[in-house]
Amino acid sequence: MLKVNSNFVKLPPSYLFVDIAKRVNEFVKNNPDRPIIRLGIGDVTLPLPQAVVDAMKKASDEMGKMETFRGYGPECGYEFLRQAIADNDFKKRGVDIDIDEIFVSDGAKCDTGNIGDIFGQDNVVAVCDPVYPVYVDTNVMAGRAGEYVEGKGWSRIVYMPCVKEKNFLPDLPKEPVDLIYLCFPNNPSGVGISKEELKKWVDYANENKSLILFDAAYEAFITTPNMPHSIYEIEGAKTCAIEFRSFSKTAGFTGTRCAFTVVPKQLEFDGVSLNRLWSRRQSTKMNGVPYVIQRAAEAVYSEEGAKQIRENITYYQNNAKIIREGLAAAGFEVYGGVDSPYIWLKTPGGLTAWEFFDLLLQKTGVVGTPGSGFGLAGEGYFRLTSFNTKENTEKAVARIIESFKA
């Protein structure tokens, strides 16, 4: 008789953003004339930069000609894209990354979830709380999380609370851990981390023979000086960290799908190369990202592409400023939104995160994300994103202020 993976059965019936979508769809069904403004899921609204579109069109034309057609590409990505990544994302910041340490994929979400394939089941996992749900859920699926205890979380996962008294930064673990998930600028709190603070984590990981899984998906939004765009800007990181990057928020590839993961060749545990293991995993389980998409990603680094992308990011940064400053001026307690597209809002009047979600939806038609969906320490907070239009962002802020003013 067939047996299912019992670890999957331990998970909640649906993913956080699926639950949100169900509630919103029910509201729309019952209120067809009420306009909705979505500041919840971190999806972009601006179209792809023209330089990216032009590169995609040119690559598509190549695929229609016998002499330039391409079939299966390299599982780890075409050399032209990996070289562009190495030159622009790392060498320009004084970091030397070889192209065979770069693995192109269809999304950072996939990579942060799939990376667990190369690690043993008995590793102890540490996550920030609140946390991007994929880090936790995929370790539940892999059997590393133990059992869920109501009000405490998963029994084998080490939670590192990120509270306002400590600027939403986690403390170093007080117990031995093997895998440490860090995301900066952070999702969901929107705060960044300085080089000095990140150095503490690199030193800890090297001293304890731990591995940091560093999600840098939002590095393009950094504006604060002395804030690292890559963990490899920190001395010693190549022997203790894997980094995840994405074109989704940087260049609007949420519907186009392209990202990459950096696994330095210096990463060895018990004499085993993690670079080799990840290469073996990828070559077995995926056939690479389409040539057309990789040419589009390459255009991100062209002079015109970089200029257009910076304009788009500036647009979203301005939206974040509208939300942050507008709500703060109205008396709301807000964080983030300076080095990130996310604003972390303290729910007013002692409301729980889901109570505020429902009330906000009913009163204003604005959709956000309940902080408790990111973990126990997220209770009493709410995430808003800057990825809508400026017009809708201004409308949403005005609606919230009007509906919740004293």
Protein backbone atom coordinates (compact mmCIF):
# COMPACT_ATOMS: atom_id res chain seq x y z
CA MET A 1 0.00 0.00 0.00
CA LEU A 2 1.25 3.48 -0.92
CA LYS A 3 2.62 5.58 1.93
CA VAL A 4 2.70 9.38 1.77
CA ASN A 5 5.39 11.64 3.20
CA SER A 6 4.00 12.07 6.71
CA ASN A 7 5.93 15.32 7.15
CA PHE A 8 3.68 17.02 4.59
CA VAL A 9 0.66 16.00 6.64
CA LYS A 10 2.03 18.02 9.57
CA LEU A 11 1.81 21.27 7.61
CA PRO A 12 -1.16 23.62 7.85
CA PRO A 13 -3.73 22.85 5.11
CA SER A 14 -2.65 25.82 2.98
CA TYR A 15 0.14 28.34 2.52
CA LEU A 16 -0.19 31.80 4.14
CA PHE A 17 -0.82 33.69 0.92
CA VAL A 18 -3.35 31.09 -0.22
CA ASP A 19 -5.32 31.75 2.98
CA ILE A 20 -5.21 35.47 2.30
CA ALA A 21 -6.37 34.98 -1.29
CA LYS A 22 -9.36 32.92 -0.09
CA ARG A 23 -10.48 35.66 2.30
CA VAL A 24 -10.05 38.36 -0.32
CA ASN A 25 -11.91 36.35 -2.97
CA GLU A 26 -14.80 35.81 -0.56
CA PHE A 27 -14.91 39.55 0.17
CA VAL A 28 -14.91 40.40 -3.55
CA LYS A 29 -17.68 37.87 -4.17
CA ASN A 30 -19.83 39.45 -1.46
CA ASN A 31 -18.87 43.04 -2.33
CA PRO A 32 -18.52 43.19 -6.12
CA ASP A 33 -18.72 47.00 -6.18
CA ARG A 34 -16.01 47.59 -3.55
CA PRO A 35 -12.61 48.35 -5.12
CA ILE A 36 -9.67 46.40 -3.67
CA ILE A 37 -6.15 47.76 -3.25
CA ARG A 38 -3.58 45.01 -2.81
CA LEU A 39 -0.60 45.80 -0.62
CA GLY A 40 -0.22 42.24 0.57
CA ILE A 41 1.72 39.80 -1.60
CA GLY A 42 5.07 41.13 -2.77
CA ASP A 43 4.27 41.15 -6.48
CA VAL A 44 5.42 44.00 -8.71
CA THR A 45 3.11 46.14 -10.87
CA LEU A 46 5.42 48.04 -13.22
CA PRO A 47 6.13 46.34 -16.57
CA LEU A 48 9.51 44.87 -17.42
CA PRO A 49 12.11 47.48 -18.43
CA GLN A 50 12.23 48.01 -22.19
CA ALA A 51 15.86 46.87 -22.42
CA VAL A 52 14.82 43.54 -20.89
CA VAL A 53 11.85 43.19 -23.25
CA ASP A 54 14.03 43.98 -26.27
CA ALA A 55 16.57 41.34 -25.24
CA MET A 56 13.78 38.80 -24.78
CA LYS A 57 12.36 39.56 -28.22
CA LYS A 58 15.77 39.22 -29.85
CA ALA A 59 16.38 35.91 -28.09
CA SER A 60 12.94 34.68 -29.16
CA ASP A 61 13.81 35.48 -32.77
CA GLU A 62 17.01 33.48 -32.39
CA MET A 63 15.00 30.48 -31.25
CA GLY A 64 13.05 30.61 -34.51
CA LYS A 65 16.11 30.21 -36.76
CA MET A 66 17.99 27.01 -37.45
CA GLU A 67 21.43 28.59 -37.09
CA THR A 68 20.71 30.24 -33.72
CA PHE A 69 18.22 27.80 -32.17
CA ARG A 70 19.17 26.38 -28.76
CA GLY A 71 17.88 23.29 -27.03
CA TYR A 72 18.90 22.19 -23.55
CA GLY A 73 21.17 24.73 -21.92
CA PRO A 74 23.64 24.31 -19.04
CA GLU A 75 21.77 23.32 -15.87
CA CYS A 76 23.66 25.94 -13.85
CA GLY A 77 23.05 28.74 -16.35
CA TYR A 78 24.63 30.11 -19.50
CA GLU A 79 28.12 31.53 -19.08
CA PHE A 80 27.09 34.93 -20.48
CA LEU A 81 24.64 35.47 -17.61
CA ARG A 82 26.84 34.05 -14.88
CA GLN A 83 29.71 36.27 -16.02
CA ALA A 84 27.45 39.33 -16.01
CA ILE A 85 26.34 38.45 -12.47
CA ALA A 86 29.92 37.94 -11.25
CA ASP A 87 31.11 41.22 -12.78
CA ASN A 88 28.20 43.45 -11.76
CA ASP A 89 26.78 42.07 -8.53
CA PHE A 90 30.07 41.10 -6.93
CA LYS A 91 33.29 42.37 -8.52
CA LYS A 92 31.97 45.94 -8.56
CA ARG A 93 31.58 45.62 -4.79
CA GLY A 94 35.05 44.22 -4.31
CA VAL A 95 33.93 40.60 -4.04
CA ASP A 96 35.57 37.89 -6.16
CA ILE A 97 33.02 35.22 -7.13
CA ASP A 98 33.82 32.67 -9.86
CA ILE A 99 31.13 31.87 -12.40
CA ASP A 100 31.18 28.19 -11.41
CA GLU A 101 30.03 29.30 -7.96
CA ILE A 102 26.88 30.86 -9.48
CA PHE A 103 23.82 28.69 -10.18
CA VAL A 104 20.99 30.25 -12.20
CA SER A 105 17.47 29.08 -11.32
CA ASP A 106 13.79 29.93 -11.72
CA GLY A 107 13.41 31.67 -8.36
CA ALA A 108 14.92 32.36 -4.95
CA LYS A 109 11.81 30.87 -3.35
CA CYS A 110 12.58 27.57 -5.08
CA ASP A 111 16.26 27.68 -4.16
CA THR A 112 15.74 28.54 -0.49
CA GLY A 113 13.33 25.62 -0.34
CA ASN A 114 15.35 23.17 -2.41
CA ILE A 115 18.72 23.85 -0.78
CA GLY A 116 17.68 21.58 2.07
CA ASP A 117 18.04 18.59 -0.25
CA ILE A 118 21.81 18.59 0.26
CA PHE A 119 21.69 18.64 4.07
CA GLY A 120 21.13 15.83 6.55
CA GLN A 121 17.81 15.42 8.29
CA ASP A 122 19.29 15.72 11.76
CA ASN A 123 20.66 19.25 11.31
CA VAL A 124 19.33 21.83 13.78
CA VAL A 125 17.69 24.77 12.00
CA ALA A 126 17.53 28.34 13.30
CA VAL A 127 15.18 30.97 11.85
CA CYS A 128 14.28 34.55 12.64
CA ASP A 129 10.81 35.09 14.09
CA PRO A 130 8.94 36.54 12.22
CA VAL A 131 10.19 34.65 9.16
CA TYR A 132 9.45 34.07 5.48
CA PRO A 133 7.25 30.93 5.71
CA VAL A 134 9.11 28.97 3.03
CA TYR A 135 12.17 28.54 5.27
CA VAL A 136 10.10 26.81 7.93
CA ASP A 137 7.64 24.90 5.75
CA THR A 138 10.33 23.26 3.61
CA ASN A 139 12.16 22.07 6.71
CA VAL A 140 8.89 20.61 7.98
CA MET A 141 8.59 18.78 4.66
CA ALA A 142 12.16 17.50 5.04
CA GLY A 143 11.53 16.17 8.55
CA ARG A 144 13.81 18.60 10.40
CA ALA A 145 11.11 20.52 12.28
CA GLY A 146 9.78 17.98 14.76
CA GLU A 147 6.21 18.44 15.97
CA TYR A 148 4.15 21.60 16.07
CA VAL A 149 3.39 22.85 19.58
CA GLU A 150 0.57 25.39 19.80
CA GLY A 151 1.86 28.72 21.04
CA LYS A 152 5.50 27.66 20.72
CA GLY A 153 6.09 26.58 17.12
CA TRP A 154 7.96 23.56 15.79
CA SER A 155 9.75 21.56 18.47
CA ARG A 156 13.09 21.10 16.66
CA ILE A 157 13.38 24.56 15.13
CA VAL A 158 15.29 27.24 17.03
CA TYR A 159 13.40 30.53 16.82
CA MET A 160 15.29 33.82 17.10
CA PRO A 161 12.76 36.52 18.06
CA CYS A 162 13.14 39.84 16.26
CA VAL A 163 11.51 42.50 18.43
CA LYS A 164 11.35 46.28 18.23
CA GLU A 165 13.47 46.69 21.38
CA LYS A 166 16.36 45.21 19.39
CA ASN A 167 15.51 46.95 16.11
CA PHE A 168 13.99 43.67 14.84
CA LEU A 169 17.45 42.06 14.64
CA PRO A 170 17.96 38.54 16.03
CA ASP A 171 20.36 37.59 18.79
CA LEU A 172 22.99 34.93 18.18
CA PRO A 173 21.67 31.47 19.14
CA LYS A 174 22.32 30.41 22.71
CA GLU A 175 22.31 26.75 21.71
CA PRO A 176 24.20 24.86 18.99
CA VAL A 177 22.60 25.18 15.53
CA ASP A 178 23.69 23.94 12.12
CA LEU A 179 21.65 25.87 9.56
CA ILE A 180 20.87 29.57 10.05
CA TYR A 181 18.40 31.39 7.79
CA LEU A 182 18.97 35.14 7.54
CA CYS A 183 17.14 37.55 5.22
CA PHE A 184 18.37 41.15 4.91
CA PRO A 185 16.91 43.55 4.09
CA ASN A 186 14.33 41.55 5.96
CA ASN A 187 11.07 40.08 4.82
CA PRO A 188 8.68 40.80 6.53
CA SER A 189 9.96 43.53 8.88
CA GLY A 190 11.69 45.60 6.19
CA VAL A 191 14.77 46.36 8.33
CA GLY A 192 18.35 46.08 7.14
CA ILE A 193 21.55 44.96 8.83
CA SER A 194 24.91 46.75 9.10
CA LYS A 195 28.23 45.20 8.16
CA GLU A 196 29.23 45.18 11.82
CA GLU A 197 26.13 43.24 12.86
CA LEU A 198 26.43 40.77 9.98
CA LYS A 199 30.11 40.18 10.83
CA LYS A 200 28.96 38.81 14.21
CA TRP A 201 26.95 36.14 12.40
CA VAL A 202 29.79 35.22 10.05
CA ASP A 203 32.18 34.87 12.98
CA TYR A 204 29.63 32.80 14.91
CA ALA A 205 29.04 30.46 11.96
CA ASN A 206 32.76 29.91 11.35
CA GLU A 207 33.46 29.32 15.03
CA ASN A 208 30.58 26.85 15.40
CA LYS A 209 30.88 25.17 12.00
CA SER A 210 27.38 26.35 11.10
CA LEU A 211 26.10 27.40 7.69
CA ILE A 212 24.28 30.67 6.99
CA LEU A 213 21.62 30.61 4.28
CA PHE A 214 21.52 34.30 3.35
CA ASP A 215 18.54 35.60 1.40
CA ALA A 216 19.52 38.88 -0.30
CA ALA A 217 16.46 39.15 -2.55
CA TYR A 218 15.89 42.81 -1.61
CA GLU A 219 19.44 44.15 -1.72
CA ALA A 220 18.63 46.49 -4.62
CA PHE A 221 16.43 48.55 -2.27
CA ILE A 222 19.26 49.40 0.14
CA THR A 223 19.85 53.13 0.60
CA THR A 224 21.61 53.24 3.97
CA PRO A 225 25.43 53.58 3.83
CA ASN A 226 27.56 50.75 5.24
CA MET A 227 24.80 48.21 4.68
CA PRO A 228 26.07 45.12 2.81
CA HIS A 229 24.39 44.12 -0.45
CA SER A 230 26.02 40.70 -0.22
CA ILE A 231 27.14 38.63 2.74
CA TYR A 232 30.39 38.08 0.85
CA GLU A 233 31.32 41.68 1.56
CA ILE A 234 32.00 40.34 5.05
CA GLU A 235 35.40 38.75 5.63
CA GLY A 236 35.10 35.01 6.24
CA ALA A 237 31.67 34.58 4.66
CA LYS A 238 32.88 32.32 1.85
CA THR A 239 33.57 29.54 4.34
CA CYS A 240 30.19 29.71 6.07
CA ALA A 241 27.48 31.14 3.78
CA ILE A 242 25.33 30.42 0.75
CA GLU A 243 23.63 33.46 -0.79
CA PHE A 244 20.32 33.65 -2.67
CA ARG A 245 19.53 36.43 -5.16
CA SER A 246 16.50 37.16 -7.31
CA PHE A 247 15.56 39.21 -10.37
CA SER A 248 11.92 39.23 -9.22
CA LYS A 249 11.86 42.41 -7.13
CA THR A 250 15.03 43.90 -8.60
CA ALA A 251 13.93 43.78 -12.23
CA GLY A 252 10.25 42.81 -12.17
CA PHE A 253 10.75 39.13 -13.05
CA THR A 254 7.97 37.82 -10.78
CA GLY A 255 6.14 36.44 -13.81
CA THR A 256 9.28 35.74 -15.83
CA ARG A 257 11.20 33.70 -13.21
CA CYS A 258 14.94 34.00 -12.89
CA ALA A 259 17.25 34.00 -9.89
CA PHE A 260 20.59 32.62 -8.80
CA THR A 261 22.32 31.06 -5.82
CA VAL A 262 25.98 31.47 -4.93
CA VAL A 263 27.75 28.47 -3.38
CA PRO A 264 31.46 29.22 -2.83
CA LYS A 265 33.94 26.45 -3.49
CA GLN A 266 35.50 27.08 -0.08
CA LEU A 267 32.34 25.69 1.56
CA GLU A 268 33.32 22.25 2.81
CA PHE A 269 31.91 20.27 5.71
CA ASP A 270 33.51 16.95 6.71
CA GLY A 271 35.57 17.20 3.53
CA VAL A 272 32.48 17.41 1.30
CA SER A 273 32.07 20.31 -1.12
CA LEU A 274 28.65 21.97 -0.95
CA ASN A 275 29.29 23.48 -4.36
CA ARG A 276 29.63 19.99 -5.81
CA LEU A 277 26.53 18.72 -4.00
CA TRP A 278 24.37 21.63 -5.19
CA SER A 279 25.67 21.22 -8.75
CA ARG A 280 24.78 17.51 -8.60
CA ARG A 281 21.32 18.26 -7.21
CA GLN A 282 20.55 20.88 -9.85
CA SER A 283 21.83 18.84 -12.78
CA THR A 284 19.61 15.95 -11.64
CA LYS A 285 16.42 17.82 -10.75
CA MET A 286 16.25 20.70 -13.25
CA ASN A 287 17.17 21.45 -16.84
CA GLY A 288 17.94 25.11 -16.36
CA VAL A 289 16.19 28.40 -17.05
CA PRO A 290 15.10 29.08 -20.67
CA TYR A 291 17.63 30.78 -22.93
CA VAL A 292 15.18 33.60 -23.70
CA ILE A 293 14.78 34.40 -19.99
CA GLN A 294 18.51 34.30 -19.34
CA ARG A 295 19.13 36.77 -22.18
CA ALA A 296 16.49 39.00 -20.59
CA ALA A 297 18.29 38.73 -17.25
CA GLU A 298 21.59 39.57 -18.89
CA ALA A 299 20.03 42.82 -20.15
CA VAL A 300 19.44 43.82 -16.53
CA TYR A 301 23.17 44.60 -16.40
CA SER A 302 23.32 46.61 -19.64
CA GLU A 303 23.73 50.38 -19.31
CA GLU A 304 20.18 51.06 -20.44
CA GLY A 305 18.74 48.15 -18.48
CA ALA A 306 20.43 49.24 -15.25
CA LYS A 307 19.11 52.78 -15.71
CA GLN A 308 15.53 51.63 -16.31
CA ILE A 309 15.63 49.21 -13.38
CA ARG A 310 16.90 51.92 -11.06
CA GLU A 311 13.94 54.09 -12.12
CA ASN A 312 11.51 51.27 -11.25
CA ILE A 313 13.12 50.64 -7.87
CA THR A 314 13.05 54.38 -7.10
CA TYR A 315 9.32 54.33 -7.91
CA TYR A 316 8.69 51.57 -5.37
CA GLN A 317 10.97 53.24 -2.83
CA ASN A 318 8.87 56.39 -3.14
CA ASN A 319 5.72 54.32 -2.56
CA ALA A 320 7.31 52.91 0.59
CA LYS A 321 8.04 56.46 1.74
CA ILE A 322 4.41 57.45 1.11
CA ILE A 323 3.19 54.57 3.28
CA ARG A 324 5.78 54.96 6.03
CA GLU A 325 5.62 58.73 6.41
CA GLY A 326 1.86 58.96 5.84
CA LEU A 327 0.98 56.41 8.48
CA ALA A 328 3.62 57.65 10.93
CA ALA A 329 2.30 61.20 10.66
CA ALA A 330 -1.18 59.86 11.44
CA GLY A 331 0.06 58.27 14.66
CA PHE A 332 0.69 54.70 13.52
CA GLU A 333 3.80 52.85 14.70
CA VAL A 334 5.72 51.88 11.56
CA TYR A 335 9.10 50.31 10.77
CA GLY A 336 11.06 49.35 7.66
CA GLY A 337 10.39 50.86 4.26
CA VAL A 338 13.79 52.59 4.04
CA ASP A 339 16.02 49.81 2.69
CA SER A 340 13.16 47.54 1.71
CA PRO A 341 9.83 47.53 -0.13
CA TYR A 342 8.11 46.34 3.05
CA ILE A 343 6.57 48.39 5.86
CA TRP A 344 6.06 46.69 9.23
CA LEU A 345 3.03 48.23 10.95
CA LYS A 346 2.02 47.81 14.60
CA THR A 347 -1.67 46.94 14.64
CA PRO A 348 -3.70 49.69 16.34
CA GLY A 349 -5.91 49.31 19.39
CA GLY A 350 -4.47 46.00 20.52
CA LEU A 351 -5.99 44.16 17.55
CA THR A 352 -4.52 40.80 16.59
CA ALA A 353 -2.94 40.61 13.15
CA TRP A 354 -5.87 38.69 11.62
CA GLU A 355 -8.43 40.94 13.33
CA PHE A 356 -6.73 43.94 11.77
CA PHE A 357 -6.60 42.16 8.39
CA ASP A 358 -10.36 41.55 8.42
CA LEU A 359 -11.19 45.02 9.73
CA LEU A 360 -8.90 46.72 7.23
CA LEU A 361 -10.42 44.75 4.37
CA GLN A 362 -13.99 45.48 5.46
CA LYS A 363 -13.48 49.18 6.18
CA THR A 364 -11.01 50.18 3.45
CA GLY A 365 -10.73 47.42 0.86
CA VAL A 366 -6.96 47.40 1.47
CA VAL A 367 -5.22 44.01 1.59
CA GLY A 368 -2.07 43.47 3.63
CA THR A 369 -0.42 40.50 5.32
CA PRO A 370 -1.01 39.55 8.99
CA GLY A 371 2.27 39.48 10.88
CA SER A 372 1.28 36.33 12.77
CA GLY A 373 1.43 34.49 9.44
CA PHE A 374 5.20 34.94 9.61
CA GLY A 375 5.55 33.54 13.11
CA LEU A 376 4.61 33.98 16.77
CA ALA A 377 6.70 37.15 17.14
CA GLY A 378 4.78 38.67 14.25
CA GLU A 379 1.56 38.81 16.24
CA GLY A 380 0.38 42.38 16.64
CA TYR A 381 2.09 43.48 13.43
CA PHE A 382 1.07 43.81 9.82
CA ARG A 383 3.06 43.91 6.56
CA LEU A 384 2.32 46.35 3.73
CA THR A 385 4.19 46.40 0.44
CA SER A 386 5.16 49.24 -1.89
CA PHE A 387 4.61 47.26 -5.08
CA ASN A 388 1.34 48.83 -6.20
CA THR A 389 0.97 52.00 -8.26
CA LYS A 390 1.64 55.40 -6.70
CA GLU A 391 -2.03 56.31 -7.19
CA ASN A 392 -3.27 53.20 -5.39
CA THR A 393 -0.64 53.57 -2.67
CA GLU A 394 -1.80 57.11 -1.92
CA LYS A 395 -5.45 55.97 -1.93
CA ALA A 396 -4.68 53.10 0.43
CA VAL A 397 -2.87 55.33 2.92
CA ALA A 398 -5.70 57.88 2.83
CA ARG A 399 -8.30 55.15 3.40
CA ILE A 400 -6.40 53.68 6.34
CA ILE A 401 -5.90 57.04 7.99
CA GLU A 402 -9.54 58.02 7.51
CA SER A 403 -10.88 54.72 8.81
CA PHE A 404 -8.66 54.46 11.88
CA LYS A 405 -8.27 58.07 12.94
CA ALA A 406 -9.02 58.80 16.58
